[in-house]
Amino acid sequence: MALTKLDIATAGLRQLNEVGLGALTLQRIATELGVRAPALYWHVANKQELLDEMATQMMRECGATLPTAEVAVLEGWEVWLRLLALRIREMLLQYRDGAKVFCGTFLTDPAVPDPNLLRPLLDAGFATADAGRAWYVVYSFVIGFTIEEQAVHPEPGRMDERYQRLVEERGGGDEASIEQWAFTGSPDDRFGELLDVIMAGITASLRP
């Protein structure tokens, strides 16, 4: 059976969870697929193109879990946009270094994300530019937060020992340090708190 970009991207995502982004190579993927590395170059010319295909596949998998336009109609655009942020973060967290892989990549499938992604905001009365700004600020926040989250917690429930030492050295005292707030406790709680801030800003400055 002929090798496809989907085969390569799927194998790349499996290897990503095994070894992480730093150790991910086309040679490693070729070995898993049982082919020689040059066979992959017919489909992806370099590692960046590989990451583009992997990110595209991540978004394809995420598509079915994204909130529909009906959510915005029934529960409001705020609920829809918040759920969108939560689902994208969940997508990134499914893979080791998932946020780093997704950041800055070019999605190669015109169908992802959905070309009508902004429709719930437009239907709610947002101007086109404001709908784009609202979506992009939430998207950028999710990517940035999750990159930092996965740096501190490379695996669920395990903190990188460097950050652990930082908390022990600088934490404590009468006032909470930035290290305590950023690196301890629940990432889910921190994400929710900061998403509240983002949503409040959108409501205040870009609301329909």
N, C-alpha and C. Protein backbone atom coordinates (compact mmCIF):
# COMPACT_ATOMS: atom_id res chain seq x y z
N MET A 1 0.85 -1.20 0.00
CA MET A 1 0.00 0.00 0.00
C MET A 1 0.88 1.24 0.00
N ALA A 2 0.51 2.22 -0.82
CA ALA A 2 1.33 3.42 -0.96
C ALA A 2 1.29 4.26 0.32
N LEU A 3 2.43 4.82 0.64
CA LEU A 3 2.56 5.68 1.81
C LEU A 3 1.88 7.02 1.54
N THR A 4 1.20 7.57 2.55
CA THR A 4 0.53 8.86 2.39
C THR A 4 1.00 9.83 3.47
N LYS A 5 0.70 11.10 3.27
CA LYS A 5 1.02 12.11 4.27
C LYS A 5 0.31 11.82 5.59
N LEU A 6 -0.91 11.28 5.50
CA LEU A 6 -1.65 10.94 6.71
C LEU A 6 -0.93 9.84 7.49
N ASP A 7 -0.41 8.84 6.77
CA ASP A 7 0.36 7.78 7.43
C ASP A 7 1.55 8.38 8.19
N ILE A 8 2.25 9.28 7.54
CA ILE A 8 3.45 9.88 8.12
C ILE A 8 3.09 10.74 9.33
N ALA A 9 2.03 11.55 9.19
CA ALA A 9 1.62 12.42 10.29
C ALA A 9 1.17 11.61 11.50
N THR A 10 0.42 10.55 11.25
CA THR A 10 -0.08 9.71 12.34
C THR A 10 1.08 9.03 13.06
N ALA A 11 2.03 8.51 12.28
CA ALA A 11 3.22 7.90 12.90
C ALA A 11 4.02 8.94 13.66
N GLY A 12 4.09 10.14 13.12
CA GLY A 12 4.80 11.22 13.80
C GLY A 12 4.19 11.55 15.15
N LEU A 13 2.87 11.55 15.22
CA LEU A 13 2.19 11.84 16.49
C LEU A 13 2.42 10.72 17.50
N ARG A 14 2.44 9.49 17.02
CA ARG A 14 2.75 8.38 17.93
C ARG A 14 4.16 8.52 18.48
N GLN A 15 5.11 8.83 17.60
CA GLN A 15 6.49 8.97 18.04
C GLN A 15 6.66 10.18 18.95
N LEU A 16 5.88 11.22 18.70
CA LEU A 16 5.95 12.41 19.54
C LEU A 16 5.67 12.06 20.99
N ASN A 17 4.66 11.24 21.22
CA ASN A 17 4.34 10.84 22.59
C ASN A 17 5.41 9.93 23.18
N GLU A 18 6.14 9.24 22.33
CA GLU A 18 7.19 8.35 22.81
C GLU A 18 8.45 9.11 23.21
N VAL A 19 8.88 10.03 22.35
CA VAL A 19 10.22 10.62 22.52
C VAL A 19 10.22 12.12 22.70
N GLY A 20 9.12 12.81 22.41
CA GLY A 20 9.11 14.27 22.50
C GLY A 20 9.60 14.92 21.22
N LEU A 21 9.37 16.22 21.13
CA LEU A 21 9.68 16.95 19.90
C LEU A 21 11.18 16.97 19.60
N GLY A 22 12.01 17.12 20.63
CA GLY A 22 13.45 17.24 20.40
C GLY A 22 14.06 16.03 19.73
N ALA A 23 13.55 14.84 20.06
CA ALA A 23 14.12 13.61 19.51
C ALA A 23 13.36 13.08 18.30
N LEU A 24 12.32 13.78 17.90
CA LEU A 24 11.52 13.33 16.76
C LEU A 24 12.28 13.58 15.46
N THR A 25 12.46 12.54 14.66
CA THR A 25 13.16 12.67 13.38
C THR A 25 12.41 11.91 12.30
N LEU A 26 12.67 12.28 11.05
CA LEU A 26 12.09 11.56 9.94
C LEU A 26 12.61 10.12 9.90
N GLN A 27 13.87 9.93 10.28
CA GLN A 27 14.42 8.58 10.31
C GLN A 27 13.67 7.70 11.30
N ARG A 28 13.33 8.24 12.45
CA ARG A 28 12.61 7.47 13.46
C ARG A 28 11.23 7.08 12.94
N ILE A 29 10.59 8.01 12.27
CA ILE A 29 9.26 7.73 11.71
C ILE A 29 9.35 6.69 10.61
N ALA A 30 10.37 6.81 9.76
CA ALA A 30 10.56 5.84 8.68
C ALA A 30 10.75 4.43 9.25
N THR A 31 11.52 4.34 10.32
CA THR A 31 11.75 3.04 10.95
C THR A 31 10.43 2.44 11.44
N GLU A 32 9.59 3.27 12.07
CA GLU A 32 8.30 2.76 12.54
C GLU A 32 7.43 2.29 11.39
N LEU A 33 7.49 3.01 10.28
CA LEU A 33 6.65 2.66 9.12
C LEU A 33 7.25 1.53 8.29
N GLY A 34 8.48 1.13 8.61
CA GLY A 34 9.11 0.04 7.87
C GLY A 34 9.59 0.42 6.50
N VAL A 35 9.99 1.69 6.34
CA VAL A 35 10.50 2.15 5.05
C VAL A 35 11.83 2.87 5.27
N ARG A 36 12.50 3.18 4.19
CA ARG A 36 13.72 3.98 4.29
C ARG A 36 13.34 5.46 4.32
N ALA A 37 14.16 6.25 4.97
CA ALA A 37 13.86 7.68 5.13
C ALA A 37 13.59 8.40 3.81
N PRO A 38 14.33 8.10 2.71
CA PRO A 38 14.04 8.81 1.45
C PRO A 38 12.60 8.66 0.97
N ALA A 39 11.93 7.56 1.38
CA ALA A 39 10.53 7.39 0.97
C ALA A 39 9.64 8.48 1.54
N LEU A 40 10.03 9.02 2.70
CA LEU A 40 9.24 10.07 3.32
C LEU A 40 9.40 11.40 2.61
N TYR A 41 10.56 11.60 1.99
CA TYR A 41 10.83 12.89 1.36
C TYR A 41 9.99 13.14 0.12
N TRP A 42 9.34 12.10 -0.39
CA TRP A 42 8.39 12.33 -1.48
C TRP A 42 7.17 13.10 -0.98
N HIS A 43 6.93 13.03 0.34
CA HIS A 43 5.72 13.62 0.92
C HIS A 43 6.01 14.83 1.81
N VAL A 44 7.10 14.77 2.57
CA VAL A 44 7.50 15.89 3.42
C VAL A 44 8.98 16.15 3.20
N ALA A 45 9.29 17.37 2.80
CA ALA A 45 10.66 17.67 2.40
C ALA A 45 11.60 17.83 3.59
N ASN A 46 11.05 18.18 4.75
CA ASN A 46 11.89 18.46 5.91
C ASN A 46 11.05 18.35 7.18
N LYS A 47 11.67 18.60 8.31
CA LYS A 47 10.95 18.43 9.58
C LYS A 47 9.83 19.44 9.72
N GLN A 48 10.00 20.65 9.21
CA GLN A 48 8.94 21.64 9.32
C GLN A 48 7.69 21.19 8.57
N GLU A 49 7.87 20.62 7.40
CA GLU A 49 6.71 20.12 6.67
C GLU A 49 6.07 18.94 7.40
N LEU A 50 6.89 18.15 8.06
CA LEU A 50 6.36 17.08 8.89
C LEU A 50 5.48 17.65 10.00
N LEU A 51 5.97 18.68 10.69
CA LEU A 51 5.20 19.29 11.77
C LEU A 51 3.91 19.92 11.25
N ASP A 52 3.96 20.50 10.04
CA ASP A 52 2.75 21.05 9.44
C ASP A 52 1.69 19.96 9.28
N GLU A 53 2.11 18.80 8.78
CA GLU A 53 1.16 17.71 8.58
C GLU A 53 0.66 17.16 9.91
N MET A 54 1.54 17.07 10.90
CA MET A 54 1.12 16.59 12.22
C MET A 54 0.12 17.55 12.85
N ALA A 55 0.38 18.85 12.76
CA ALA A 55 -0.55 19.84 13.31
C ALA A 55 -1.90 19.79 12.60
N THR A 56 -1.86 19.59 11.30
CA THR A 56 -3.10 19.49 10.54
C THR A 56 -3.91 18.30 11.00
N GLN A 57 -3.24 17.17 11.23
CA GLN A 57 -3.95 15.99 11.70
C GLN A 57 -4.49 16.20 13.11
N MET A 58 -3.75 16.89 13.95
CA MET A 58 -4.25 17.21 15.29
C MET A 58 -5.55 18.00 15.18
N MET A 59 -5.57 18.97 14.28
CA MET A 59 -6.77 19.81 14.13
C MET A 59 -7.93 19.02 13.55
N ARG A 60 -7.62 18.09 12.64
CA ARG A 60 -8.69 17.23 12.11
C ARG A 60 -9.34 16.44 13.24
N GLU A 61 -8.50 15.86 14.09
CA GLU A 61 -9.01 15.05 15.19
C GLU A 61 -9.82 15.90 16.16
N CYS A 62 -9.42 17.15 16.32
CA CYS A 62 -10.09 18.05 17.25
C CYS A 62 -11.44 18.52 16.73
N GLY A 63 -11.58 18.54 15.40
CA GLY A 63 -12.75 19.15 14.79
C GLY A 63 -14.07 18.64 15.32
N ALA A 64 -14.16 17.34 15.55
CA ALA A 64 -15.42 16.75 15.99
C ALA A 64 -15.80 17.16 17.41
N THR A 65 -14.83 17.63 18.18
CA THR A 65 -15.10 17.99 19.57
C THR A 65 -15.38 19.48 19.76
N LEU A 66 -15.18 20.28 18.71
CA LEU A 66 -15.37 21.72 18.84
C LEU A 66 -16.85 22.04 19.02
N PRO A 67 -17.16 23.08 19.79
CA PRO A 67 -18.57 23.45 19.99
C PRO A 67 -19.20 23.90 18.68
N THR A 68 -20.42 23.54 18.46
CA THR A 68 -21.12 23.90 17.24
C THR A 68 -21.73 25.29 17.35
N ALA A 69 -22.18 25.81 16.22
CA ALA A 69 -22.82 27.13 16.22
C ALA A 69 -24.09 27.12 17.06
N GLU A 70 -24.72 25.96 17.21
CA GLU A 70 -25.93 25.88 18.02
C GLU A 70 -25.67 26.25 19.48
N VAL A 71 -24.45 25.95 19.95
CA VAL A 71 -24.10 26.31 21.32
C VAL A 71 -24.19 27.82 21.51
N ALA A 72 -23.68 28.56 20.52
CA ALA A 72 -23.73 30.02 20.61
C ALA A 72 -25.16 30.53 20.57
N VAL A 73 -26.00 29.88 19.78
CA VAL A 73 -27.39 30.30 19.68
C VAL A 73 -28.13 30.04 20.99
N LEU A 74 -27.90 28.86 21.57
CA LEU A 74 -28.65 28.45 22.76
C LEU A 74 -28.09 29.02 24.05
N GLU A 75 -26.76 29.13 24.12
CA GLU A 75 -26.12 29.50 25.39
C GLU A 75 -25.32 30.79 25.33
N GLY A 76 -25.16 31.36 24.15
CA GLY A 76 -24.46 32.64 24.02
C GLY A 76 -23.06 32.47 23.46
N TRP A 77 -22.57 33.55 22.84
CA TRP A 77 -21.26 33.48 22.20
C TRP A 77 -20.15 33.30 23.22
N GLU A 78 -20.35 33.81 24.47
CA GLU A 78 -19.31 33.67 25.49
C GLU A 78 -19.06 32.19 25.83
N VAL A 79 -20.14 31.44 25.98
CA VAL A 79 -20.02 30.01 26.27
C VAL A 79 -19.35 29.30 25.11
N TRP A 80 -19.76 29.64 23.89
CA TRP A 80 -19.17 29.02 22.69
C TRP A 80 -17.67 29.28 22.63
N LEU A 81 -17.25 30.52 22.82
CA LEU A 81 -15.84 30.87 22.70
C LEU A 81 -15.02 30.23 23.83
N ARG A 82 -15.59 30.19 25.01
CA ARG A 82 -14.90 29.55 26.13
C ARG A 82 -14.71 28.05 25.87
N LEU A 83 -15.75 27.39 25.38
CA LEU A 83 -15.64 25.96 25.06
C LEU A 83 -14.62 25.72 23.95
N LEU A 84 -14.57 26.63 23.00
CA LEU A 84 -13.58 26.51 21.93
C LEU A 84 -12.17 26.51 22.51
N ALA A 85 -11.92 27.43 23.44
CA ALA A 85 -10.60 27.50 24.08
C ALA A 85 -10.29 26.20 24.83
N LEU A 86 -11.24 25.68 25.56
CA LEU A 86 -11.04 24.46 26.33
C LEU A 86 -10.74 23.28 25.42
N ARG A 87 -11.46 23.17 24.32
CA ARG A 87 -11.27 22.03 23.41
C ARG A 87 -9.90 22.10 22.73
N ILE A 88 -9.46 23.29 22.35
CA ILE A 88 -8.16 23.39 21.70
C ILE A 88 -7.04 23.03 22.68
N ARG A 89 -7.18 23.49 23.92
CA ARG A 89 -6.17 23.10 24.92
C ARG A 89 -6.16 21.58 25.11
N GLU A 90 -7.32 20.97 25.19
CA GLU A 90 -7.40 19.52 25.33
C GLU A 90 -6.69 18.83 24.16
N MET A 91 -6.87 19.36 22.96
CA MET A 91 -6.20 18.79 21.79
C MET A 91 -4.68 18.83 21.96
N LEU A 92 -4.17 19.97 22.39
CA LEU A 92 -2.72 20.14 22.54
C LEU A 92 -2.17 19.23 23.62
N LEU A 93 -2.93 19.04 24.69
CA LEU A 93 -2.46 18.24 25.81
C LEU A 93 -2.50 16.74 25.53
N GLN A 94 -3.15 16.34 24.47
CA GLN A 94 -3.18 14.93 24.13
C GLN A 94 -1.81 14.42 23.70
N TYR A 95 -0.93 15.34 23.32
CA TYR A 95 0.37 14.94 22.79
C TYR A 95 1.49 15.61 23.56
N ARG A 96 2.53 14.87 23.81
CA ARG A 96 3.72 15.43 24.43
C ARG A 96 4.27 16.53 23.53
N ASP A 97 4.53 17.69 24.09
CA ASP A 97 4.99 18.86 23.33
C ASP A 97 3.98 19.27 22.25
N GLY A 98 2.71 18.92 22.47
CA GLY A 98 1.70 19.20 21.45
C GLY A 98 1.59 20.67 21.10
N ALA A 99 1.72 21.55 22.09
CA ALA A 99 1.58 22.99 21.82
C ALA A 99 2.76 23.49 21.00
N LYS A 100 3.96 22.99 21.29
CA LYS A 100 5.13 23.39 20.50
C LYS A 100 5.01 22.93 19.06
N VAL A 101 4.47 21.74 18.87
CA VAL A 101 4.28 21.23 17.51
C VAL A 101 3.30 22.13 16.76
N PHE A 102 2.22 22.51 17.43
CA PHE A 102 1.15 23.25 16.76
C PHE A 102 1.53 24.70 16.50
N CYS A 103 2.35 25.26 17.38
CA CYS A 103 2.69 26.69 17.30
C CYS A 103 3.46 26.99 16.02
N GLY A 104 2.99 27.95 15.26
CA GLY A 104 3.72 28.41 14.09
C GLY A 104 3.66 27.49 12.88
N THR A 105 2.82 26.47 12.93
CA THR A 105 2.73 25.56 11.79
C THR A 105 1.72 26.06 10.76
N PHE A 106 1.85 25.54 9.56
CA PHE A 106 0.94 25.88 8.47
C PHE A 106 0.00 24.70 8.27
N LEU A 107 -1.30 24.93 8.45
CA LEU A 107 -2.27 23.85 8.28
C LEU A 107 -2.51 23.63 6.79
N THR A 108 -2.27 22.41 6.35
CA THR A 108 -2.23 22.12 4.91
C THR A 108 -3.57 21.72 4.33
N ASP A 109 -4.56 21.48 5.18
CA ASP A 109 -5.88 21.08 4.71
C ASP A 109 -6.80 22.29 4.76
N PRO A 110 -7.32 22.75 3.60
CA PRO A 110 -8.19 23.94 3.60
C PRO A 110 -9.45 23.78 4.45
N ALA A 111 -9.80 22.55 4.78
CA ALA A 111 -11.02 22.31 5.55
C ALA A 111 -10.81 22.44 7.04
N VAL A 112 -9.54 22.61 7.48
CA VAL A 112 -9.28 22.76 8.91
C VAL A 112 -8.41 23.99 9.13
N PRO A 113 -8.76 24.85 10.08
CA PRO A 113 -10.04 24.77 10.78
C PRO A 113 -11.21 25.08 9.86
N ASP A 114 -12.40 24.86 10.34
CA ASP A 114 -13.61 25.11 9.56
C ASP A 114 -13.59 26.55 9.04
N PRO A 115 -13.73 26.74 7.72
CA PRO A 115 -13.75 28.11 7.19
C PRO A 115 -14.83 29.00 7.79
N ASN A 116 -15.86 28.37 8.35
CA ASN A 116 -16.96 29.12 8.96
C ASN A 116 -16.80 29.24 10.48
N LEU A 117 -15.57 29.11 10.95
CA LEU A 117 -15.31 29.10 12.38
C LEU A 117 -15.84 30.34 13.10
N LEU A 118 -15.76 31.48 12.45
CA LEU A 118 -16.18 32.73 13.09
C LEU A 118 -17.68 32.98 13.01
N ARG A 119 -18.43 32.13 12.32
CA ARG A 119 -19.84 32.38 12.10
C ARG A 119 -20.63 32.63 13.38
N PRO A 120 -20.40 31.87 14.48
CA PRO A 120 -21.16 32.15 15.70
C PRO A 120 -20.95 33.56 16.23
N LEU A 121 -19.73 34.10 16.09
CA LEU A 121 -19.48 35.47 16.55
C LEU A 121 -20.14 36.48 15.62
N LEU A 122 -20.07 36.21 14.33
CA LEU A 122 -20.71 37.12 13.37
C LEU A 122 -22.22 37.13 13.56
N ASP A 123 -22.78 35.95 13.78
CA ASP A 123 -24.22 35.87 13.98
C ASP A 123 -24.64 36.55 15.28
N ALA A 124 -23.71 36.62 16.25
CA ALA A 124 -24.01 37.28 17.52
C ALA A 124 -23.93 38.80 17.39
N GLY A 125 -23.45 39.29 16.25
CA GLY A 125 -23.42 40.72 16.03
C GLY A 125 -22.05 41.35 16.01
N PHE A 126 -20.99 40.54 16.13
CA PHE A 126 -19.64 41.09 16.06
C PHE A 126 -19.36 41.61 14.65
N ALA A 127 -18.66 42.73 14.57
CA ALA A 127 -18.10 43.15 13.29
C ALA A 127 -17.06 42.11 12.88
N THR A 128 -16.83 41.99 11.57
CA THR A 128 -15.91 40.96 11.08
C THR A 128 -14.53 41.08 11.71
N ALA A 129 -14.00 42.29 11.76
CA ALA A 129 -12.66 42.48 12.33
C ALA A 129 -12.64 42.13 13.82
N ASP A 130 -13.70 42.50 14.54
CA ASP A 130 -13.75 42.22 15.97
C ASP A 130 -13.89 40.72 16.23
N ALA A 131 -14.65 40.03 15.38
CA ALA A 131 -14.77 38.58 15.52
C ALA A 131 -13.40 37.93 15.33
N GLY A 132 -12.66 38.41 14.34
CA GLY A 132 -11.32 37.88 14.12
C GLY A 132 -10.40 38.16 15.29
N ARG A 133 -10.47 39.37 15.84
CA ARG A 133 -9.62 39.71 16.99
C ARG A 133 -9.98 38.85 18.20
N ALA A 134 -11.27 38.67 18.44
CA ALA A 134 -11.71 37.87 19.59
C ALA A 134 -11.19 36.44 19.48
N TRP A 135 -11.35 35.85 18.31
CA TRP A 135 -10.87 34.49 18.09
C TRP A 135 -9.35 34.41 18.24
N TYR A 136 -8.66 35.37 17.66
CA TYR A 136 -7.20 35.27 17.62
C TYR A 136 -6.58 35.49 19.00
N VAL A 137 -7.15 36.36 19.80
CA VAL A 137 -6.59 36.58 21.13
C VAL A 137 -6.80 35.34 22.00
N VAL A 138 -7.94 34.68 21.87
CA VAL A 138 -8.18 33.45 22.62
C VAL A 138 -7.24 32.34 22.14
N TYR A 139 -7.13 32.21 20.84
CA TYR A 139 -6.24 31.18 20.25
C TYR A 139 -4.79 31.40 20.70
N SER A 140 -4.32 32.63 20.64
CA SER A 140 -2.93 32.92 21.03
C SER A 140 -2.72 32.64 22.51
N PHE A 141 -3.70 32.98 23.33
CA PHE A 141 -3.59 32.69 24.76
C PHE A 141 -3.49 31.19 25.01
N VAL A 142 -4.35 30.41 24.36
CA VAL A 142 -4.35 28.96 24.58
C VAL A 142 -3.00 28.36 24.19
N ILE A 143 -2.48 28.75 23.03
CA ILE A 143 -1.20 28.20 22.56
C ILE A 143 -0.10 28.57 23.55
N GLY A 144 -0.01 29.85 23.90
CA GLY A 144 1.06 30.29 24.80
C GLY A 144 0.97 29.65 26.17
N PHE A 145 -0.22 29.59 26.73
CA PHE A 145 -0.39 28.99 28.05
C PHE A 145 0.02 27.53 28.03
N THR A 146 -0.38 26.81 26.98
CA THR A 146 -0.13 25.37 26.95
C THR A 146 1.34 25.06 26.68
N ILE A 147 2.02 25.90 25.91
CA ILE A 147 3.46 25.73 25.75
C ILE A 147 4.15 25.79 27.10
N GLU A 148 3.80 26.80 27.90
CA GLU A 148 4.40 26.94 29.22
C GLU A 148 3.98 25.79 30.14
N GLU A 149 2.72 25.41 30.07
CA GLU A 149 2.23 24.31 30.90
C GLU A 149 2.99 23.02 30.62
N GLN A 150 3.20 22.72 29.34
CA GLN A 150 3.89 21.48 29.01
C GLN A 150 5.39 21.56 29.27
N ALA A 151 5.94 22.76 29.34
CA ALA A 151 7.34 22.91 29.72
C ALA A 151 7.51 22.60 31.20
N VAL A 152 6.59 23.08 32.02
CA VAL A 152 6.66 22.85 33.47
C VAL A 152 6.28 21.41 33.80
N HIS A 153 5.27 20.89 33.10
CA HIS A 153 4.79 19.53 33.34
C HIS A 153 4.93 18.72 32.04
N PRO A 154 6.13 18.23 31.74
CA PRO A 154 6.33 17.49 30.49
C PRO A 154 5.49 16.24 30.38
N GLU A 155 5.09 15.69 31.53
CA GLU A 155 4.16 14.57 31.58
C GLU A 155 3.10 14.89 32.62
N PRO A 156 1.87 14.43 32.43
CA PRO A 156 0.81 14.73 33.40
C PRO A 156 1.22 14.30 34.80
N GLY A 157 1.08 15.21 35.74
CA GLY A 157 1.37 14.89 37.12
C GLY A 157 2.84 14.96 37.51
N ARG A 158 3.72 15.27 36.56
CA ARG A 158 5.16 15.35 36.87
C ARG A 158 5.69 16.73 36.52
N MET A 159 6.29 17.39 37.51
CA MET A 159 6.88 18.70 37.27
C MET A 159 8.36 18.53 36.92
N ASP A 160 8.81 19.26 35.92
CA ASP A 160 10.23 19.31 35.59
C ASP A 160 11.01 19.71 36.85
N GLU A 161 12.05 18.95 37.16
CA GLU A 161 12.77 19.17 38.42
C GLU A 161 13.38 20.56 38.51
N ARG A 162 13.66 21.20 37.39
CA ARG A 162 14.21 22.56 37.43
C ARG A 162 13.19 23.54 37.99
N TYR A 163 11.94 23.39 37.57
CA TYR A 163 10.90 24.26 38.09
C TYR A 163 10.60 23.93 39.55
N GLN A 164 10.70 22.66 39.89
CA GLN A 164 10.48 22.26 41.28
C GLN A 164 11.50 22.94 42.19
N ARG A 165 12.76 22.97 41.75
CA ARG A 165 13.80 23.63 42.56
C ARG A 165 13.54 25.12 42.65
N LEU A 166 13.07 25.70 41.56
CA LEU A 166 12.79 27.13 41.55
C LEU A 166 11.71 27.48 42.56
N VAL A 167 10.68 26.68 42.61
CA VAL A 167 9.60 26.92 43.57
C VAL A 167 10.13 26.79 44.99
N GLU A 168 10.96 25.79 45.24
CA GLU A 168 11.49 25.57 46.58
C GLU A 168 12.42 26.70 47.00
N GLU A 169 13.19 27.25 46.04
CA GLU A 169 14.14 28.30 46.36
C GLU A 169 13.48 29.65 46.55
N ARG A 170 12.49 29.96 45.71
CA ARG A 170 11.90 31.30 45.71
C ARG A 170 10.51 31.37 46.32
N GLY A 171 9.89 30.22 46.51
CA GLY A 171 8.55 30.20 47.07
C GLY A 171 8.58 30.42 48.56
N GLY A 172 7.41 30.46 49.14
CA GLY A 172 7.32 30.63 50.59
C GLY A 172 7.27 32.09 50.98
N GLY A 173 7.32 32.35 52.27
CA GLY A 173 7.22 33.71 52.74
C GLY A 173 5.78 34.13 52.93
N ASP A 174 5.61 35.38 53.34
CA ASP A 174 4.27 35.87 53.62
C ASP A 174 3.46 36.14 52.36
N GLU A 175 4.17 36.50 51.29
CA GLU A 175 3.48 36.82 50.04
C GLU A 175 3.80 35.76 49.00
N ALA A 176 2.79 35.36 48.26
CA ALA A 176 2.99 34.37 47.22
C ALA A 176 3.90 34.93 46.12
N SER A 177 4.84 34.13 45.69
CA SER A 177 5.74 34.55 44.62
C SER A 177 5.13 34.19 43.28
N ILE A 178 5.68 34.79 42.21
CA ILE A 178 5.21 34.45 40.88
C ILE A 178 5.45 32.98 40.59
N GLU A 179 6.53 32.43 41.16
CA GLU A 179 6.82 31.01 40.94
C GLU A 179 5.74 30.13 41.57
N GLN A 180 5.29 30.52 42.76
CA GLN A 180 4.23 29.75 43.40
C GLN A 180 2.95 29.77 42.56
N TRP A 181 2.59 30.95 42.07
CA TRP A 181 1.34 31.06 41.32
C TRP A 181 1.45 30.35 39.97
N ALA A 182 2.60 30.49 39.30
CA ALA A 182 2.71 29.99 37.93
C ALA A 182 3.01 28.50 37.86
N PHE A 183 3.71 27.98 38.87
CA PHE A 183 4.24 26.62 38.73
C PHE A 183 3.66 25.61 39.72
N THR A 184 2.81 26.04 40.64
CA THR A 184 2.23 25.10 41.60
C THR A 184 0.72 25.13 41.48
N GLY A 185 0.08 24.15 42.09
CA GLY A 185 -1.37 24.09 42.01
C GLY A 185 -1.84 23.49 40.70
N SER A 186 -3.07 23.70 40.39
CA SER A 186 -3.71 23.08 39.23
C SER A 186 -3.58 23.95 37.98
N PRO A 187 -2.94 23.42 36.90
CA PRO A 187 -2.93 24.18 35.64
C PRO A 187 -4.34 24.44 35.12
N ASP A 188 -5.25 23.51 35.37
CA ASP A 188 -6.64 23.72 34.93
C ASP A 188 -7.23 24.96 35.59
N ASP A 189 -6.97 25.13 36.89
CA ASP A 189 -7.49 26.29 37.60
C ASP A 189 -6.88 27.58 37.07
N ARG A 190 -5.56 27.56 36.85
CA ARG A 190 -4.89 28.77 36.32
C ARG A 190 -5.42 29.11 34.95
N PHE A 191 -5.60 28.09 34.12
CA PHE A 191 -6.13 28.33 32.77
C PHE A 191 -7.51 28.98 32.86
N GLY A 192 -8.37 28.45 33.73
CA GLY A 192 -9.70 29.01 33.88
C GLY A 192 -9.68 30.45 34.36
N GLU A 193 -8.81 30.75 35.32
CA GLU A 193 -8.71 32.11 35.85
C GLU A 193 -8.27 33.10 34.76
N LEU A 194 -7.26 32.70 33.99
CA LEU A 194 -6.75 33.60 32.96
C LEU A 194 -7.74 33.71 31.79
N LEU A 195 -8.44 32.62 31.49
CA LEU A 195 -9.45 32.70 30.44
C LEU A 195 -10.57 33.65 30.85
N ASP A 196 -10.89 33.69 32.13
CA ASP A 196 -11.87 34.67 32.62
C ASP A 196 -11.43 36.10 32.29
N VAL A 197 -10.13 36.36 32.50
CA VAL A 197 -9.59 37.70 32.22
C VAL A 197 -9.71 38.02 30.74
N ILE A 198 -9.33 37.04 29.90
CA ILE A 198 -9.41 37.23 28.45
C ILE A 198 -10.85 37.50 28.03
N MET A 199 -11.77 36.71 28.53
CA MET A 199 -13.17 36.87 28.14
C MET A 199 -13.72 38.21 28.61
N ALA A 200 -13.31 38.65 29.80
CA ALA A 200 -13.76 39.94 30.29
C ALA A 200 -13.26 41.06 29.39
N GLY A 201 -12.01 40.93 28.91
CA GLY A 201 -11.47 41.93 28.00
C GLY A 201 -12.21 41.97 26.69
N ILE A 202 -12.55 40.79 26.15
CA ILE A 202 -13.30 40.76 24.90
C ILE A 202 -14.68 41.36 25.10
N THR A 203 -15.32 41.02 26.18
CA THR A 203 -16.66 41.56 26.46
C THR A 203 -16.63 43.09 26.59
N ALA A 204 -15.58 43.61 27.20
CA ALA A 204 -15.49 45.05 27.43
C ALA A 204 -15.14 45.82 26.16
N SER A 205 -14.28 45.24 25.32
CA SER A 205 -13.74 46.03 24.21
C SER A 205 -14.24 45.61 22.83
N LEU A 206 -14.65 44.35 22.68
CA LEU A 206 -15.03 43.87 21.33
C LEU A 206 -16.44 43.34 21.26
N ARG A 207 -17.21 43.45 22.33
CA ARG A 207 -18.51 42.81 22.36
C ARG A 207 -19.41 43.37 21.26
N PRO A 208 -20.36 42.55 20.81
CA PRO A 208 -21.26 43.02 19.74
C PRO A 208 -22.17 44.15 20.19
